[in-house]
N, C-alpha and C. Protein backbone atom coordinates (compact mmCIF):
# COMPACT_ATOMS: atom_id res chain seq x y z
N ARG A 1 -8.37 17.50 0.07
CA ARG A 1 -9.84 17.87 -0.32
C ARG A 1 -10.04 16.31 -0.95
N GLY A 2 -10.86 15.34 0.23
CA GLY A 2 -11.38 14.53 -0.34
C GLY A 2 -10.12 13.18 -0.27
N ARG A 3 -9.10 13.56 -0.15
CA ARG A 3 -7.76 12.70 -0.14
C ARG A 3 -7.45 12.15 1.19
N PRO A 4 -7.34 10.84 1.35
CA PRO A 4 -6.88 10.10 2.61
C PRO A 4 -5.56 10.77 2.70
N PRO A 5 -5.11 11.37 4.46
CA PRO A 5 -4.33 11.80 5.24
C PRO A 5 -2.70 10.50 4.63
N ARG A 6 -1.80 11.26 4.31
CA ARG A 6 -0.80 10.44 4.15
C ARG A 6 0.15 10.12 5.46
N ALA A 7 0.74 8.86 5.61
CA ALA A 7 1.20 8.58 7.03
C ALA A 7 2.63 9.62 7.07
N ASP A 8 2.67 9.69 8.25
CA ASP A 8 3.84 10.64 9.09
C ASP A 8 4.55 9.78 9.75
N VAL A 9 6.14 9.64 9.09
CA VAL A 9 6.81 8.95 9.60
C VAL A 9 8.18 9.88 9.92
N GLY A 10 8.67 9.75 11.46
CA GLY A 10 9.49 10.55 12.03
C GLY A 10 9.33 12.35 11.56
N GLY A 11 8.17 12.27 11.63
CA GLY A 11 7.69 13.97 11.00
C GLY A 11 7.98 14.24 9.72
N ARG A 12 8.09 13.13 8.68
CA ARG A 12 7.62 13.56 7.05
C ARG A 12 6.66 12.94 6.83
N LEU A 13 6.03 13.54 6.02
CA LEU A 13 4.86 12.69 5.39
C LEU A 13 5.32 11.99 4.17
N ALA A 14 4.90 10.57 4.13
CA ALA A 14 5.26 9.57 2.82
C ALA A 14 4.61 10.29 1.64
N PRO A 15 5.48 9.86 0.63
CA PRO A 15 4.58 9.98 -0.46
C PRO A 15 3.57 9.15 -1.08
N ASP A 16 2.30 9.60 -1.44
CA ASP A 16 1.20 8.91 -1.81
C ASP A 16 1.47 7.98 -2.34
N GLY A 17 1.97 7.28 -3.11
CA GLY A 17 2.53 6.15 -3.85
C GLY A 17 3.02 5.46 -2.86
N LEU A 18 3.85 5.37 -1.84
CA LEU A 18 3.72 4.66 -0.65
C LEU A 18 2.93 4.20 0.30
N ILE A 19 1.84 4.78 0.29
CA ILE A 19 0.73 4.44 0.81
C ILE A 19 -0.38 3.54 0.29
N CYS A 20 -0.72 2.47 1.16
CA CYS A 20 -1.82 1.76 1.00
C CYS A 20 -3.13 2.27 0.63
N PRO A 21 -3.54 2.24 0.12
CA PRO A 21 -5.40 2.87 -0.07
C PRO A 21 -6.61 2.40 0.72
N LEU A 22 -5.98 1.17 1.14
CA LEU A 22 -6.66 0.69 2.08
C LEU A 22 -6.64 0.53 3.75
N SER A 23 -4.95 0.57 4.17
CA SER A 23 -4.74 0.92 5.60
C SER A 23 -4.44 2.23 5.87
N LEU A 24 -3.82 3.09 4.53
CA LEU A 24 -3.67 4.48 4.76
C LEU A 24 -2.26 4.45 5.36
N GLU A 25 -1.52 3.28 5.54
CA GLU A 25 -0.17 3.43 5.88
C GLU A 25 0.65 3.04 5.09
N ILE A 26 2.36 3.09 5.05
CA ILE A 26 3.28 3.23 4.37
C ILE A 26 3.27 1.16 4.31
N TYR A 27 3.41 0.98 2.96
CA TYR A 27 3.47 -0.56 2.51
C TYR A 27 4.54 -1.17 3.30
N GLU A 28 4.37 -2.52 4.02
CA GLU A 28 5.34 -3.24 4.80
C GLU A 28 5.38 -4.58 3.27
N ASP A 29 4.34 -4.84 2.96
CA ASP A 29 4.49 -6.43 2.21
C ASP A 29 3.30 -5.88 0.86
N PRO A 30 3.80 -4.75 -0.14
CA PRO A 30 2.91 -4.55 -0.99
C PRO A 30 2.71 -5.68 -1.90
N VAL A 31 1.60 -5.96 -2.57
CA VAL A 31 1.18 -6.94 -3.57
C VAL A 31 0.43 -6.02 -4.69
N MET A 32 0.40 -6.56 -5.87
CA MET A 32 -0.53 -6.02 -7.18
C MET A 32 -1.70 -7.54 -7.29
N ALA A 33 -2.87 -6.38 -7.54
CA ALA A 33 -3.81 -7.09 -7.62
C ALA A 33 -4.39 -7.32 -9.23
N ALA A 34 -5.37 -7.98 -9.24
CA ALA A 34 -5.83 -7.93 -10.95
C ALA A 34 -6.00 -6.54 -11.15
N ASP A 35 -6.33 -5.91 -10.37
CA ASP A 35 -7.04 -4.28 -11.36
C ASP A 35 -5.45 -3.46 -11.40
N GLY A 36 -4.19 -4.10 -11.55
CA GLY A 36 -3.31 -3.51 -11.19
C GLY A 36 -2.61 -2.40 -10.39
N PHE A 37 -3.19 -2.48 -9.17
CA PHE A 37 -3.01 -1.56 -8.35
C PHE A 37 -2.50 -2.30 -7.15
N SER A 38 -1.42 -1.82 -6.25
CA SER A 38 -1.20 -2.29 -5.04
C SER A 38 -1.76 -1.88 -4.03
N TYR A 39 -1.86 -2.86 -2.93
CA TYR A 39 -2.11 -2.75 -1.59
C TYR A 39 -1.45 -3.46 -0.53
N GLU A 40 -1.60 -3.24 0.71
CA GLU A 40 -0.93 -4.26 1.70
C GLU A 40 -1.57 -5.46 1.70
N ARG A 41 -0.65 -6.58 1.53
CA ARG A 41 -0.98 -7.79 1.50
C ARG A 41 -2.15 -7.79 2.59
N ARG A 42 -2.15 -7.93 3.84
CA ARG A 42 -2.83 -8.24 4.82
C ARG A 42 -4.45 -7.60 4.31
N GLU A 43 -4.49 -6.24 3.92
CA GLU A 43 -5.51 -5.60 3.70
C GLU A 43 -6.10 -6.00 2.65
N ILE A 44 -5.79 -6.19 1.75
CA ILE A 44 -6.35 -7.16 0.67
C ILE A 44 -7.03 -8.13 0.63
N GLU A 45 -6.25 -9.23 1.65
CA GLU A 45 -6.47 -10.71 1.98
C GLU A 45 -7.84 -10.33 2.79
N ASN A 46 -7.79 -9.38 3.64
CA ASN A 46 -8.94 -9.33 4.22
C ASN A 46 -10.36 -8.90 3.72
N TRP A 47 -9.67 -7.93 2.77
CA TRP A 47 -11.02 -7.70 1.60
C TRP A 47 -11.63 -8.99 0.83
N PHE A 48 -10.55 -9.87 0.53
CA PHE A 48 -11.09 -10.92 0.11
C PHE A 48 -12.03 -11.92 0.71
N ALA A 49 -11.17 -12.21 2.06
CA ALA A 49 -12.09 -12.96 3.06
C ALA A 49 -13.38 -12.57 3.32
N ARG A 50 -13.43 -11.38 3.34
CA ARG A 50 -15.23 -10.93 3.56
C ARG A 50 -15.84 -10.99 2.58
N GLY A 51 -15.53 -11.87 1.55
CA GLY A 51 -16.13 -12.13 0.33
C GLY A 51 -16.46 -11.26 -1.23
N LYS A 52 -15.54 -10.17 -0.99
CA LYS A 52 -15.39 -9.34 -1.73
C LYS A 52 -14.66 -9.39 -3.07
N ARG A 53 -15.48 -9.43 -4.09
CA ARG A 53 -14.12 -10.08 -5.58
C ARG A 53 -14.17 -8.60 -6.41
N THR A 54 -14.04 -7.28 -5.76
CA THR A 54 -14.09 -6.11 -6.52
C THR A 54 -13.03 -5.50 -6.24
N SER A 55 -12.33 -4.46 -7.06
CA SER A 55 -11.27 -3.80 -6.61
C SER A 55 -11.89 -2.58 -5.96
N PRO A 56 -11.10 -2.50 -4.90
CA PRO A 56 -11.09 -1.59 -3.90
C PRO A 56 -10.90 0.24 -4.42
N LYS A 57 -10.23 -0.01 -5.56
CA LYS A 57 -9.92 1.05 -6.44
C LYS A 57 -11.15 1.68 -6.94
N THR A 58 -11.56 0.60 -7.98
CA THR A 58 -12.32 1.15 -9.21
C THR A 58 -14.01 0.45 -8.81
N ASN A 59 -13.73 -0.40 -7.75
CA ASN A 59 -15.09 -1.07 -7.65
C ASN A 59 -15.38 -2.24 -8.85
N GLU A 60 -14.95 -2.30 -9.64
CA GLU A 60 -15.24 -3.66 -10.75
C GLU A 60 -14.87 -4.93 -10.39
N GLU A 61 -15.62 -5.96 -10.83
CA GLU A 61 -15.22 -7.15 -10.77
C GLU A 61 -13.59 -7.47 -11.14
N LEU A 62 -13.36 -8.14 -9.86
CA LEU A 62 -12.00 -8.78 -10.60
C LEU A 62 -12.20 -9.78 -11.14
N PRO A 63 -10.69 -10.15 -12.35
CA PRO A 63 -10.94 -11.49 -12.73
C PRO A 63 -10.53 -12.63 -12.06
N HIS A 64 -9.49 -12.29 -11.07
CA HIS A 64 -9.16 -13.23 -10.13
C HIS A 64 -8.55 -12.44 -9.06
N THR A 65 -8.17 -13.24 -7.95
CA THR A 65 -7.96 -13.20 -6.54
C THR A 65 -6.23 -13.12 -6.53
N PHE A 66 -5.92 -13.91 -7.78
CA PHE A 66 -4.64 -13.70 -7.46
C PHE A 66 -3.67 -12.48 -7.09
N LEU A 67 -2.31 -12.69 -6.01
CA LEU A 67 -1.46 -11.60 -5.86
C LEU A 67 -0.50 -11.66 -6.01
N MET A 68 0.14 -10.31 -6.46
CA MET A 68 1.78 -11.01 -6.66
C MET A 68 2.52 -9.87 -6.10
N PRO A 69 3.50 -10.37 -5.53
CA PRO A 69 4.38 -9.37 -4.92
C PRO A 69 4.76 -8.19 -5.76
N ASN A 70 4.91 -7.09 -5.19
CA ASN A 70 5.34 -6.07 -5.67
C ASN A 70 6.83 -5.37 -5.02
N ARG A 71 7.78 -6.12 -5.36
CA ARG A 71 9.29 -5.98 -4.95
C ARG A 71 9.80 -4.81 -4.93
N ASP A 72 9.75 -4.00 -6.29
CA ASP A 72 9.90 -2.41 -6.60
C ASP A 72 9.33 -1.32 -5.36
N LEU A 73 8.27 -1.62 -5.21
CA LEU A 73 7.64 -0.64 -4.25
C LEU A 73 7.78 -1.09 -2.97
N LYS A 74 8.13 -2.06 -2.78
CA LYS A 74 8.46 -2.52 -1.38
C LYS A 74 10.32 -2.04 -1.35
N SER A 75 10.68 -1.92 -1.99
CA SER A 75 12.24 -1.56 -1.99
C SER A 75 12.28 -0.19 -2.01
N THR A 76 11.48 0.71 -2.66
CA THR A 76 11.53 1.94 -2.60
C THR A 76 10.73 2.32 -1.09
N CYS A 77 9.83 1.56 -0.53
CA CYS A 77 9.25 1.85 0.86
C CYS A 77 10.43 1.88 1.78
N GLN A 78 11.12 0.46 1.53
CA GLN A 78 12.27 0.66 2.53
C GLN A 78 13.46 2.00 2.69
N ASP A 79 13.60 1.94 1.18
CA ASP A 79 14.39 3.17 1.26
C ASP A 79 13.88 4.60 1.70
N PHE A 80 12.49 4.50 1.38
CA PHE A 80 12.05 6.32 2.32
C PHE A 80 12.35 6.07 3.94
N LEU A 81 11.62 4.81 4.15
CA LEU A 81 12.34 4.51 6.04
C LEU A 81 13.48 4.38 6.25
N ASP A 82 14.36 3.96 5.37
CA ASP A 82 15.89 4.20 5.82
C ASP A 82 16.81 5.55 5.97
N GLU A 83 15.98 6.28 4.87
CA GLU A 83 16.40 7.94 5.03
C GLU A 83 15.67 8.50 6.00
N VAL A 84 14.61 8.34 6.41
CA VAL A 84 13.39 8.78 7.58
C VAL A 84 14.51 8.71 8.93
N ARG A 85 15.04 7.52 8.86
CA ARG A 85 15.69 6.61 10.12
C ARG A 85 16.87 7.79 10.66
N LYS A 86 17.90 7.74 9.16
CA LYS A 86 19.11 8.04 8.75
C LYS A 86 18.96 9.64 9.47
N PHE A 87 17.97 10.35 9.15
CA PHE A 87 18.11 11.90 9.37
C PHE A 87 17.54 12.01 10.84
N ALA A 88 16.42 10.89 11.42
CA ALA A 88 16.39 10.90 13.01
C ALA A 88 17.39 10.83 13.96
N GLU A 89 18.54 10.01 13.08
CA GLU A 89 20.15 9.74 13.89
C GLU A 89 21.06 10.90 14.28
N MET A 90 20.41 12.00 13.42
CA MET A 90 21.55 13.02 13.15
C MET A 90 21.19 14.11 14.21
């Protein structure tokens, strides 16, 4: 109901927390924006390149467009993908 589809990886649905709200794909290079939410780097950079300075999640004005790598989220996504690959090889 109104929720975007979750990425299907090797027949398994990725948890919502591993899906970028802009690309609807599992993060490869997640970054945190000033709104406190994470986005795929290329997606949020494209958002800013189109002249947008608002949060894609809240639509509120962002105080800045600096992006911080979200290493924990990247690691969690990698662990999920490794687990899927391990079971696919069985």
